Amino acid sequence: MTTEVLHLDPAADESDDHDPPVTVDLRLVAPAAGAWLAALQVVRAEPVVAAVGSGTCVIVVIVGALVRRLTAGDRDVHRAPRKPGTGPAQRHRDLRHALAATCALTLLTVGAVLGTGATQLAARSHGVLPQIAAAGSVGTFTGRVRESALLPPAWPGAPARARCTIAVDTASGGGRASDAVGQVLVIGPPALAEAPYGARVRVVGRVQEGAPGDRVVAVLLTSSDPEVVAEAPRWDALATNVREDVAGLAAPLPGDARALLPGVTVGDTSGVTSDLAADMRVAGLTHVTAVSGAHFSLVALLVLTLATAVRLPRGVRAALVVAAMAAMVLLVHPSPSVVRAAAMGLVAALGLLVGRPHRAPPALCAAVVVLLVLDPWLAGELGFLLSVLATGGLVLLGGPFAQRWSQRCGRTVAQAVAMPVAAQLVCAPAILLVTPNVALYSIPANLLVAPAVAPATVLGLAAAGLASWCPWGAQLLALGAGAACWWIGAVARLVAAAPGAQVTWHPGPAGIALAAGASMCTARLLLARRRR
């Protein structure tokens, strides 16, 4: 099969000082796109329809392979043997083979997504849970706590509320009971936010159906506190203790440092005030406190650097990186967004660390396919889209940007500038899906906070590890992490207060297309070389 070629250097002119073209393998882009489209449809389809579609894809691939094999055999019988060559006919045959293989692989990935989606949909529709939700009656659910948080008041002076996502395993209502599969969103008193992660709880309330295609099967409205029927597993309890240690270390810190340290370290944004959250959003810095691929890339880079410094074998280094990523997932809680961020961060880290960005697109596409096969609901989440786009921008544009600018400002500075520029260029059109506003100073803001993100994260994690057996050392490290967090908050507030920090963009598909065109033109200008 041939390899698609993408020239990252558009300046193919008479100049004799341009870099050689970079060959990028794009053969897995079509399977990844097919898997994405299939995932968007399967979450809204009936299980039978999805299963039929999966079987149809597999049958088409098998029939096509048989027909191709039979016709190839007939051609070989009537054709004289020829020596292999590189003429136009041979290139045409290679192109046909590559297209056939790509189409077959795309159909297989679509069939895999439809098949796994049909299985998960069938499991969700089993039992009395969908019936209770459809009837809008009172139900009792038991399951494990997955996410919980306080909700902002519905109006000034309104009673406090909280939400909690539960992975249910049993459901009862209307005199019937059965096992259940799926997630239920519970909205009720503030005690829901205090439910330990991973604990098995029982909740009672009135049930409503979830939105079509939503990850949540049903929404339960309750006025009673959850009843804990089983404690959380040991690893979840350990992760909760570490998160509590981080919150305790952040408590003595002043102002924004106290609010940002848990978010930068373990993704806990419960202490971030509404005004600080708004300033972070205007400055384009919300990804700093959200658990994103950057957190996992940083952890992987740190572990790999230390393992390389002590000259460990390559297999041991790879095992240590995977173990560190797994520990990080458990620490910040393995929600779908965290697993997605871990996969994207691992792809970005490997693509940048090995110095072969042209090998990263196949790895990124493979990660997308695997994640969508395991969890088709990721396809409809904006966080997943932004992660994929940011990772693709880093591995495709980050390297060429850094190489182009390193001659003028040095390799270190060029890399620091290239990363936020590449991520912002590819993510800007997708952000318009949520809000038709553009943060004009997001790139300068990310450049200003870039030197502080790594110390804040690393020192915060180190402080969390020392908190249980060396409190004074942990507090000392927390002071350093808090200073870095203070700088992040100061930059966010300064940028948000600047004139024209956020401007309104044209809404709808036209605005998204305009932003995408502007990003492509900007990337081309940044990569173009000046002619002699």
Protein backbone atom coordinates (compact mmCIF):
# COMPACT_ATOMS: atom_id res chain seq x y z
CA MET A 1 0.00 0.00 0.00
CA THR A 2 1.26 3.46 -0.78
CA THR A 3 1.53 6.27 1.72
CA GLU A 4 -0.25 9.57 1.37
CA VAL A 5 2.21 12.45 1.33
CA LEU A 6 1.62 15.74 3.11
CA HIS A 7 4.23 18.47 2.53
CA LEU A 8 4.34 20.47 5.73
CA ASP A 9 6.67 22.97 4.07
CA PRO A 10 4.60 24.74 1.39
CA ALA A 11 7.51 26.75 0.04
CA ALA A 12 8.46 24.45 -2.82
CA ASP A 13 10.24 27.13 -4.82
CA GLU A 14 13.57 27.78 -6.41
CA SER A 15 15.22 28.45 -3.06
CA ASP A 16 17.93 25.98 -2.22
CA ASP A 17 17.65 26.30 1.54
CA HIS A 18 14.25 24.80 2.16
CA ASP A 19 13.81 21.65 4.19
CA PRO A 20 13.11 18.35 2.46
CA PRO A 21 9.42 17.43 2.28
CA VAL A 22 8.02 15.51 5.21
CA THR A 23 6.11 12.35 4.39
CA VAL A 24 3.10 11.81 6.62
CA ASP A 25 1.15 8.55 6.69
CA LEU A 26 -2.54 9.39 6.37
CA ARG A 27 -3.90 5.95 5.54
CA LEU A 28 -5.80 5.65 8.83
CA VAL A 29 -7.56 9.01 8.52
CA ALA A 30 -10.45 7.50 6.54
CA PRO A 31 -11.05 4.62 9.03
CA ALA A 32 -10.95 7.09 11.92
CA ALA A 33 -13.42 9.41 10.19
CA GLY A 34 -15.70 6.48 9.38
CA ALA A 35 -15.58 5.29 12.98
CA TRP A 36 -16.46 8.80 14.17
CA LEU A 37 -19.46 9.12 11.87
CA ALA A 38 -20.63 5.63 12.80
CA ALA A 39 -20.34 6.43 16.52
CA LEU A 40 -22.41 9.60 16.10
CA GLN A 41 -25.20 7.54 14.53
CA VAL A 42 -25.10 4.36 16.60
CA VAL A 43 -25.83 6.11 19.92
CA ARG A 44 -29.15 7.27 18.46
CA ALA A 45 -30.07 4.04 16.69
CA GLU A 46 -31.94 0.95 17.78
CA PRO A 47 -29.75 -2.02 18.78
CA VAL A 48 -31.18 -4.19 15.98
CA VAL A 49 -30.48 -1.56 13.33
CA ALA A 50 -26.91 -1.10 14.56
CA ALA A 51 -26.33 -4.87 14.60
CA VAL A 52 -27.64 -5.20 11.03
CA GLY A 53 -25.39 -2.38 9.89
CA SER A 54 -22.38 -4.03 11.52
CA GLY A 55 -23.08 -7.35 9.86
CA THR A 56 -23.60 -5.66 6.50
CA CYS A 57 -20.18 -3.99 6.67
CA VAL A 58 -18.47 -7.29 7.44
CA ILE A 59 -20.32 -9.11 4.64
CA VAL A 60 -19.42 -6.42 2.11
CA VAL A 61 -15.73 -6.72 3.03
CA ILE A 62 -15.80 -10.53 2.75
CA VAL A 63 -17.63 -10.49 -0.59
CA GLY A 64 -15.32 -7.82 -1.95
CA ALA A 65 -12.24 -9.80 -0.91
CA LEU A 66 -13.58 -12.97 -2.55
CA VAL A 67 -14.46 -11.17 -5.78
CA ARG A 68 -11.08 -9.48 -5.86
CA ARG A 69 -9.29 -12.77 -5.29
CA LEU A 70 -11.24 -14.56 -8.05
CA THR A 71 -10.77 -11.79 -10.60
CA ALA A 72 -7.08 -11.52 -9.73
CA GLY A 73 -6.70 -15.26 -10.30
CA ASP A 74 -8.31 -15.01 -13.74
CA ARG A 75 -6.05 -12.12 -14.71
CA ASP A 76 -2.96 -14.00 -13.57
CA VAL A 77 -3.85 -16.99 -15.77
CA HIS A 78 -4.15 -14.92 -18.97
CA ARG A 79 -1.32 -12.52 -18.22
CA ALA A 80 2.34 -13.18 -18.95
CA PRO A 81 4.64 -12.65 -16.00
CA ARG A 82 6.26 -9.25 -15.89
CA LYS A 83 9.19 -7.94 -14.00
CA PRO A 84 8.34 -5.55 -11.17
CA GLY A 85 8.70 -1.93 -12.18
CA THR A 86 7.85 1.58 -11.20
CA GLY A 87 6.12 2.75 -14.36
CA PRO A 88 2.72 4.45 -14.59
CA ALA A 89 0.88 1.12 -14.81
CA GLN A 90 2.54 -0.18 -11.65
CA ARG A 91 1.80 3.03 -9.75
CA HIS A 92 -1.80 2.86 -10.90
CA ARG A 93 -2.12 -0.72 -9.62
CA ASP A 94 -0.51 0.25 -6.31
CA LEU A 95 -2.96 3.11 -5.96
CA ARG A 96 -5.90 0.78 -6.62
CA HIS A 97 -4.60 -1.67 -4.03
CA ALA A 98 -4.17 1.13 -1.48
CA LEU A 99 -7.70 2.45 -2.09
CA ALA A 100 -9.18 -1.05 -1.83
CA ALA A 101 -7.34 -1.73 1.42
CA THR A 102 -8.39 1.65 2.86
CA CYS A 103 -12.04 1.05 1.95
CA ALA A 104 -11.96 -2.43 3.48
CA LEU A 105 -10.36 -1.17 6.68
CA THR A 106 -12.85 1.70 6.90
CA LEU A 107 -15.79 -0.70 6.55
CA LEU A 108 -14.31 -2.98 9.22
CA THR A 109 -13.88 -0.10 11.67
CA VAL A 110 -17.42 1.11 10.98
CA GLY A 111 -18.68 -2.42 11.54
CA ALA A 112 -16.74 -2.69 14.81
CA VAL A 113 -18.17 0.59 16.12
CA LEU A 114 -21.70 -0.39 15.10
CA GLY A 115 -21.30 -3.85 16.63
CA THR A 116 -19.99 -2.70 20.00
CA GLY A 117 -22.51 0.13 20.03
CA ALA A 118 -25.35 -2.32 19.41
CA THR A 119 -24.14 -4.47 22.29
CA GLN A 120 -23.99 -1.52 24.67
CA LEU A 121 -27.38 -0.20 23.56
CA ALA A 122 -28.93 -3.63 24.10
CA ALA A 123 -27.46 -3.79 27.60
CA ARG A 124 -28.81 -0.31 28.43
CA SER A 125 -32.31 -1.21 27.22
CA HIS A 126 -32.48 -4.36 29.35
CA GLY A 127 -34.50 -4.41 32.59
CA VAL A 128 -36.93 -1.97 34.14
CA LEU A 129 -34.70 1.13 34.04
CA PRO A 130 -35.84 2.32 30.57
CA GLN A 131 -39.45 1.52 31.44
CA ILE A 132 -39.32 3.55 34.65
CA ALA A 133 -37.71 6.46 32.81
CA ALA A 134 -40.27 6.34 29.99
CA ALA A 135 -43.16 6.29 32.47
CA GLY A 136 -41.70 9.16 34.54
CA SER A 137 -42.46 7.32 37.77
CA VAL A 138 -40.63 7.07 41.09
CA GLY A 139 -37.70 4.68 41.12
CA THR A 140 -34.92 3.39 43.36
CA PHE A 141 -31.44 2.95 41.92
CA THR A 142 -28.27 1.45 43.34
CA GLY A 143 -24.86 1.93 41.81
CA ARG A 144 -21.33 3.34 42.04
CA VAL A 145 -20.66 7.08 42.24
CA ARG A 146 -18.75 8.31 39.20
CA GLU A 147 -18.90 12.11 39.31
CA SER A 148 -20.32 14.67 41.71
CA ALA A 149 -20.27 18.44 42.00
CA LEU A 150 -22.21 21.38 43.38
CA LEU A 151 -24.48 23.24 40.97
CA PRO A 152 -24.76 27.03 40.75
CA PRO A 153 -28.02 28.40 42.18
CA ALA A 154 -30.89 28.53 39.71
CA TRP A 155 -31.64 32.10 40.83
CA PRO A 156 -30.24 34.42 43.51
CA GLY A 157 -31.19 33.01 46.89
CA ALA A 158 -32.23 29.63 45.51
CA PRO A 159 -31.48 26.58 47.65
CA ALA A 160 -28.18 24.85 47.00
CA ARG A 161 -28.23 21.82 44.70
CA ALA A 162 -25.76 19.20 43.56
CA ARG A 163 -25.46 16.62 40.82
CA CYS A 164 -24.09 13.12 40.94
CA THR A 165 -23.58 10.57 38.17
CA ILE A 166 -24.15 6.96 39.20
CA ALA A 167 -23.30 3.83 37.23
CA VAL A 168 -26.37 1.83 38.25
CA ASP A 169 -26.44 -1.93 38.65
CA THR A 170 -29.97 -2.44 40.05
CA ALA A 171 -33.21 -0.56 39.53
CA SER A 172 -36.72 -0.92 40.92
CA GLY A 173 -40.00 0.91 40.47
CA GLY A 174 -43.70 0.23 40.03
CA GLY A 175 -43.43 -3.03 41.94
CA ARG A 176 -40.71 -4.41 39.60
CA ALA A 177 -36.97 -4.79 40.04
CA SER A 178 -34.10 -5.98 37.86
CA ASP A 179 -30.45 -5.52 37.08
CA ALA A 180 -29.57 -2.39 35.12
CA VAL A 181 -26.72 -1.05 32.99
CA GLY A 182 -26.06 2.62 32.32
CA GLN A 183 -25.46 5.93 33.97
CA VAL A 184 -28.11 7.95 35.80
CA LEU A 185 -27.73 11.66 36.54
CA VAL A 186 -29.04 12.47 40.02
CA ILE A 187 -29.94 16.07 40.93
CA GLY A 188 -30.77 16.85 44.51
CA PRO A 189 -29.49 18.20 47.85
CA PRO A 190 -25.85 19.25 48.47
CA ALA A 191 -25.12 15.91 50.15
CA LEU A 192 -24.84 14.38 46.68
CA ALA A 193 -21.59 16.30 46.12
CA GLU A 194 -20.14 14.72 49.26
CA ALA A 195 -20.75 11.13 48.14
CA PRO A 196 -17.35 9.36 47.98
CA TYR A 197 -16.18 8.50 44.52
CA GLY A 198 -16.57 4.77 43.85
CA ALA A 199 -18.91 4.22 46.81
CA ARG A 200 -22.08 2.21 46.19
CA VAL A 201 -25.13 4.32 47.03
CA ARG A 202 -28.90 4.02 46.88
CA VAL A 203 -31.01 6.95 45.65
CA VAL A 204 -34.78 7.40 45.41
CA GLY A 205 -36.64 9.95 43.30
CA ARG A 206 -38.71 10.70 40.24
CA VAL A 207 -37.13 9.56 36.99
CA GLN A 208 -37.07 11.24 33.59
CA GLU A 209 -35.71 9.98 30.28
CA GLY A 210 -32.30 11.17 29.14
CA ALA A 211 -31.85 13.07 25.90
CA PRO A 212 -31.59 10.95 22.73
CA GLY A 213 -28.00 9.94 22.12
CA ASP A 214 -26.91 11.06 25.57
CA ARG A 215 -24.58 9.00 27.72
CA VAL A 216 -27.03 9.34 30.60
CA VAL A 217 -29.90 6.84 30.45
CA ALA A 218 -32.15 8.75 32.84
CA VAL A 219 -32.28 11.80 35.11
CA LEU A 220 -33.42 11.33 38.70
CA LEU A 221 -34.74 14.26 40.74
CA THR A 222 -34.63 13.71 44.49
CA SER A 223 -34.93 15.65 47.72
CA SER A 224 -33.33 13.01 49.97
CA ASP A 225 -29.67 12.33 50.70
CA PRO A 226 -28.02 9.30 49.12
CA GLU A 227 -27.64 6.19 51.27
CA VAL A 228 -24.16 4.63 51.20
CA VAL A 229 -24.54 0.84 51.08
CA ALA A 230 -20.90 -0.10 50.34
CA GLU A 231 -17.59 1.69 50.67
CA ALA A 232 -15.43 2.58 47.69
CA PRO A 233 -12.74 0.12 46.50
CA ARG A 234 -9.30 0.53 48.02
CA TRP A 235 -7.75 2.22 44.98
CA ASP A 236 -10.60 4.73 44.73
CA ALA A 237 -10.35 5.47 48.44
CA LEU A 238 -6.59 6.00 48.08
CA ALA A 239 -7.13 8.41 45.19
CA THR A 240 -9.75 10.28 47.21
CA ASN A 241 -7.31 10.63 50.12
CA VAL A 242 -4.65 12.07 47.81
CA ARG A 243 -7.12 14.56 46.38
CA GLU A 244 -8.11 15.59 49.90
CA ASP A 245 -4.42 16.03 50.75
CA VAL A 246 -4.04 18.37 47.76
CA ALA A 247 -7.05 20.40 48.92
CA GLY A 248 -5.58 20.57 52.41
CA LEU A 249 -2.22 21.76 51.08
CA ALA A 250 -3.97 24.43 49.03
CA ALA A 251 -6.07 25.74 51.93
CA PRO A 252 -3.34 27.99 53.48
CA LEU A 253 -2.51 29.56 50.12
CA PRO A 254 -3.95 32.98 49.26
CA GLY A 255 -6.60 33.86 46.69
CA ASP A 256 -6.32 32.38 43.23
CA ALA A 257 -3.46 30.08 44.20
CA ARG A 258 -5.73 28.26 46.66
CA ALA A 259 -8.43 27.86 44.00
CA LEU A 260 -6.17 26.78 41.13
CA LEU A 261 -3.75 24.36 42.81
CA PRO A 262 -6.22 21.41 43.07
CA GLY A 263 -7.36 22.01 39.49
CA VAL A 264 -3.89 22.21 37.98
CA THR A 265 -2.74 19.16 39.96
CA VAL A 266 -5.66 16.71 39.94
CA GLY A 267 -8.40 18.48 37.96
CA ASP A 268 -10.49 19.43 41.02
CA THR A 269 -12.16 22.74 40.08
CA SER A 270 -14.66 22.84 42.93
CA GLY A 271 -12.79 25.72 44.57
CA VAL A 272 -12.58 27.91 41.45
CA THR A 273 -14.83 30.94 41.86
CA SER A 274 -17.21 32.03 39.12
CA ASP A 275 -15.30 35.23 38.36
CA LEU A 276 -11.97 33.38 38.10
CA ALA A 277 -13.56 30.73 35.87
CA ALA A 278 -14.93 33.48 33.59
CA ASP A 279 -11.51 35.16 33.36
CA MET A 280 -9.83 31.83 32.58
CA ARG A 281 -12.35 31.24 29.80
CA VAL A 282 -11.85 34.70 28.28
CA ALA A 283 -8.08 34.25 28.41
CA GLY A 284 -8.27 30.80 26.80
CA LEU A 285 -6.77 29.06 29.84
CA THR A 286 -9.56 26.71 30.92
CA HIS A 287 -7.52 23.71 29.74
CA VAL A 288 -4.97 24.44 32.49
CA THR A 289 -7.35 23.38 35.25
CA ALA A 290 -9.16 20.68 33.26
CA VAL A 291 -7.66 17.20 33.08
CA SER A 292 -6.38 17.26 29.52
CA GLY A 293 -3.84 15.47 27.42
CA ALA A 294 -1.26 18.06 28.47
CA HIS A 295 -1.33 16.71 32.05
CA PHE A 296 -0.64 13.17 30.89
CA SER A 297 1.97 14.30 28.37
CA LEU A 298 3.80 16.13 31.14
CA VAL A 299 3.73 13.09 33.43
CA ALA A 300 4.92 10.82 30.62
CA LEU A 301 7.72 13.25 29.74
CA LEU A 302 8.89 13.46 33.35
CA VAL A 303 8.91 9.70 33.86
CA LEU A 304 10.63 9.05 30.55
CA THR A 305 13.27 11.69 31.24
CA LEU A 306 14.09 10.21 34.64
CA ALA A 307 14.15 6.67 33.27
CA THR A 308 16.45 7.73 30.45
CA ALA A 309 18.76 9.53 32.85
CA VAL A 310 19.41 6.30 34.78
CA ARG A 311 19.87 4.36 31.50
CA LEU A 312 17.00 1.92 31.91
CA PRO A 313 16.21 -0.41 28.99
CA ARG A 314 13.63 0.73 26.49
CA GLY A 315 11.08 -1.88 27.58
CA VAL A 316 11.38 -0.80 31.22
CA ARG A 317 10.99 2.83 30.25
CA ALA A 318 7.83 2.06 28.28
CA ALA A 319 6.40 0.05 31.19
CA LEU A 320 7.12 2.90 33.62
CA VAL A 321 5.38 5.41 31.36
CA VAL A 322 2.29 3.21 31.09
CA ALA A 323 2.26 2.63 34.86
CA ALA A 324 2.55 6.36 35.54
CA MET A 325 -0.30 7.11 33.15
CA ALA A 326 -2.48 4.45 34.80
CA ALA A 327 -1.74 5.89 38.25
CA MET A 328 -2.64 9.35 36.99
CA VAL A 329 -5.94 8.05 35.61
CA LEU A 330 -6.82 6.54 38.98
CA LEU A 331 -5.82 9.72 40.79
CA VAL A 332 -8.01 12.04 38.73
CA HIS A 333 -10.77 9.38 38.45
CA PRO A 334 -11.25 7.28 35.30
CA SER A 335 -14.16 9.12 33.75
CA PRO A 336 -14.59 8.96 29.96
CA SER A 337 -13.04 12.41 29.55
CA VAL A 338 -10.00 11.38 31.61
CA VAL A 339 -9.47 8.15 29.66
CA ARG A 340 -9.75 10.14 26.45
CA ALA A 341 -7.22 12.69 27.69
CA ALA A 342 -4.84 9.91 28.75
CA ALA A 343 -4.96 8.30 25.32
CA MET A 344 -4.45 11.60 23.50
CA GLY A 345 -1.69 12.67 25.87
CA LEU A 346 0.15 9.40 25.41
CA VAL A 347 -0.03 9.73 21.62
CA ALA A 348 1.21 13.33 21.74
CA ALA A 349 4.02 12.48 24.15
CA LEU A 350 5.26 9.56 22.07
CA GLY A 351 5.01 11.51 18.83
CA LEU A 352 7.02 14.44 20.18
CA LEU A 353 9.52 12.53 22.29
CA VAL A 354 10.68 10.09 19.64
CA GLY A 355 11.22 12.96 17.24
CA ARG A 356 9.09 11.42 14.48
CA PRO A 357 5.92 13.50 14.15
CA HIS A 358 5.12 11.82 10.82
CA ARG A 359 4.52 8.57 12.74
CA ALA A 360 2.07 10.20 15.16
CA PRO A 361 -0.96 10.59 12.81
CA PRO A 362 -1.41 6.80 12.43
CA ALA A 363 -1.09 6.39 16.20
CA LEU A 364 -3.61 9.19 16.77
CA CYS A 365 -6.09 7.69 14.30
CA ALA A 366 -5.67 4.24 15.85
CA ALA A 367 -6.31 5.70 19.33
CA VAL A 368 -9.46 7.40 18.04
CA VAL A 369 -10.75 4.14 16.56
CA VAL A 370 -10.05 2.16 19.73
CA LEU A 371 -11.70 4.77 21.97
CA LEU A 372 -14.79 4.96 19.78
CA VAL A 373 -15.11 1.18 19.63
CA LEU A 374 -15.00 1.06 23.43
CA ASP A 375 -17.16 4.15 24.00
CA PRO A 376 -19.15 5.47 21.00
CA TRP A 377 -20.61 8.32 23.09
CA LEU A 378 -17.22 10.05 22.99
CA ALA A 379 -17.90 11.10 19.39
CA GLY A 380 -20.50 13.64 20.53
CA GLU A 381 -18.37 15.25 23.23
CA LEU A 382 -16.65 18.54 22.49
CA GLY A 383 -13.77 17.63 24.79
CA PHE A 384 -12.98 14.60 22.66
CA LEU A 385 -13.00 16.68 19.48
CA LEU A 386 -10.74 19.33 21.01
CA SER A 387 -8.34 16.67 22.30
CA VAL A 388 -8.02 15.03 18.90
CA LEU A 389 -7.59 18.36 17.13
CA ALA A 390 -5.05 19.65 19.64
CA THR A 391 -3.04 16.43 19.50
CA GLY A 392 -3.06 16.45 15.71
CA GLY A 393 -1.99 20.08 15.66
CA LEU A 394 0.86 19.43 18.08
CA VAL A 395 2.28 16.46 16.21
CA LEU A 396 1.79 17.90 12.69
CA LEU A 397 2.37 21.63 13.10
CA GLY A 398 4.24 21.91 16.39
CA GLY A 399 7.41 20.31 15.05
CA PRO A 400 7.61 22.33 11.79
CA PHE A 401 6.84 25.57 13.68
CA ALA A 402 9.57 24.88 16.21
CA GLN A 403 12.07 23.94 13.50
CA ARG A 404 11.27 27.07 11.52
CA TRP A 405 11.63 29.45 14.48
CA SER A 406 14.53 27.78 16.28
CA GLN A 407 17.12 29.54 14.10
CA ARG A 408 16.03 32.92 15.41
CA CYS A 409 15.08 32.34 19.04
CA GLY A 410 16.61 28.99 20.00
CA ARG A 411 15.12 25.50 20.19
CA THR A 412 13.67 25.83 23.70
CA VAL A 413 11.87 29.11 23.08
CA ALA A 414 10.69 27.95 19.66
CA GLN A 415 9.10 24.82 21.12
CA ALA A 416 7.42 26.82 23.87
CA VAL A 417 5.93 29.19 21.29
CA ALA A 418 5.04 26.52 18.73
CA MET A 419 2.88 24.36 20.99
CA PRO A 420 0.14 26.90 21.91
CA VAL A 421 0.15 28.39 18.41
CA ALA A 422 -0.38 24.99 16.78
CA ALA A 423 -3.08 23.97 19.26
CA GLN A 424 -4.91 27.28 18.97
CA LEU A 425 -4.94 27.24 15.17
CA VAL A 426 -6.59 23.83 14.91
CA CYS A 427 -8.95 24.20 17.90
CA ALA A 428 -10.29 27.70 17.18
CA PRO A 429 -12.99 26.58 14.69
CA ALA A 430 -14.22 23.83 17.04
CA ILE A 431 -14.53 26.22 19.99
CA LEU A 432 -17.05 28.21 17.97
CA LEU A 433 -19.42 25.24 18.27
CA VAL A 434 -20.00 26.26 21.90
CA THR A 435 -19.71 30.03 21.85
CA PRO A 436 -19.42 32.46 18.91
CA ASN A 437 -16.65 34.35 20.66
CA VAL A 438 -12.93 34.48 19.96
CA ALA A 439 -10.33 35.04 22.68
CA LEU A 440 -7.89 37.35 20.91
CA TYR A 441 -5.15 37.06 23.49
CA SER A 442 -5.29 33.31 24.11
CA ILE A 443 -1.93 32.63 22.43
CA PRO A 444 -0.04 35.32 24.40
CA ALA A 445 -1.79 34.17 27.57
CA ASN A 446 -0.73 30.56 26.99
CA LEU A 447 2.81 31.68 26.28
CA LEU A 448 2.91 33.61 29.55
CA VAL A 449 1.60 30.73 31.67
CA ALA A 450 3.55 27.99 29.89
CA PRO A 451 6.62 28.29 32.20
CA ALA A 452 4.34 27.95 35.25
CA VAL A 453 2.14 25.00 34.22
CA ALA A 454 4.84 22.34 34.48
CA PRO A 455 6.15 23.45 37.93
CA ALA A 456 2.60 23.77 39.24
CA THR A 457 1.64 20.27 38.11
CA VAL A 458 4.88 18.49 39.03
CA LEU A 459 5.33 20.21 42.42
CA GLY A 460 1.64 19.69 43.22
CA LEU A 461 1.83 15.96 42.47
CA ALA A 462 5.07 15.66 44.45
CA ALA A 463 3.47 17.47 47.39
CA ALA A 464 0.48 15.13 47.24
CA GLY A 465 2.82 12.14 47.39
CA LEU A 466 4.67 13.51 50.43
CA ALA A 467 1.62 14.75 52.35
CA SER A 468 0.98 11.50 54.25
CA TRP A 469 4.49 10.92 55.61
CA CYS A 470 6.37 14.25 55.31
CA PRO A 471 3.92 17.12 55.88
CA TRP A 472 6.52 19.89 56.14
CA GLY A 473 8.16 18.83 52.88
CA ALA A 474 4.78 18.61 51.18
CA GLN A 475 3.85 22.09 52.37
CA LEU A 476 7.15 23.46 51.08
CA LEU A 477 6.52 21.96 47.63
CA ALA A 478 2.94 23.26 47.76
CA LEU A 479 4.27 26.79 48.27
CA GLY A 480 6.25 26.50 45.04
CA ALA A 481 3.24 25.07 43.20
CA GLY A 482 1.06 27.81 44.69
CA ALA A 483 3.40 30.51 43.41
CA ALA A 484 3.10 29.07 39.91
CA CYS A 485 -0.71 28.91 40.27
CA TRP A 486 -0.76 32.53 41.45
CA TRP A 487 1.01 33.53 38.26
CA ILE A 488 -1.54 31.60 36.15
CA GLY A 489 -4.42 33.37 37.90
CA ALA A 490 -2.73 36.76 37.56
CA VAL A 491 -2.23 36.28 33.82
CA ALA A 492 -5.85 35.18 33.40
CA ARG A 493 -7.21 38.23 35.21
CA LEU A 494 -4.83 40.64 33.44
CA VAL A 495 -5.64 39.28 29.98
CA ALA A 496 -9.40 39.16 30.64
CA ALA A 497 -9.33 42.82 31.70
CA ALA A 498 -7.46 43.93 28.58
CA PRO A 499 -9.44 45.83 25.92
CA GLY A 500 -10.89 43.57 23.25
CA ALA A 501 -9.98 40.38 25.09
CA GLN A 502 -13.02 38.65 23.61
CA VAL A 503 -14.76 39.57 20.36
CA THR A 504 -17.93 38.20 18.80
CA TRP A 505 -17.51 35.96 15.74
CA HIS A 506 -20.02 35.14 13.03
CA PRO A 507 -22.19 32.29 14.37
CA GLY A 508 -23.18 29.09 12.63
CA PRO A 509 -21.50 26.99 9.93
CA ALA A 510 -20.40 30.08 7.99
CA GLY A 511 -18.44 31.37 10.97
CA ILE A 512 -16.84 27.97 11.57
CA ALA A 513 -15.83 27.71 7.90
CA LEU A 514 -14.42 31.23 8.00
CA ALA A 515 -12.40 30.44 11.13
CA ALA A 516 -11.10 27.20 9.58
CA GLY A 517 -10.01 29.08 6.46
CA ALA A 518 -8.29 31.74 8.54
CA SER A 519 -6.46 29.05 10.53
CA MET A 520 -5.28 27.31 7.35
CA CYS A 521 -4.05 30.56 5.83
CA THR A 522 -2.24 31.49 9.03
CA ALA A 523 -0.52 28.10 9.20
CA ARG A 524 0.59 28.43 5.59
CA LEU A 525 2.00 31.89 6.20
CA LEU A 526 3.85 30.73 9.30
CA LEU A 527 5.39 27.80 7.42
CA ALA A 528 6.25 29.68 4.23
CA ARG A 529 9.88 30.57 3.62
CA ARG A 530 11.03 33.88 2.24
CA ARG A 531 12.45 33.59 -1.28
CA ARG A 532 15.95 34.81 -2.00
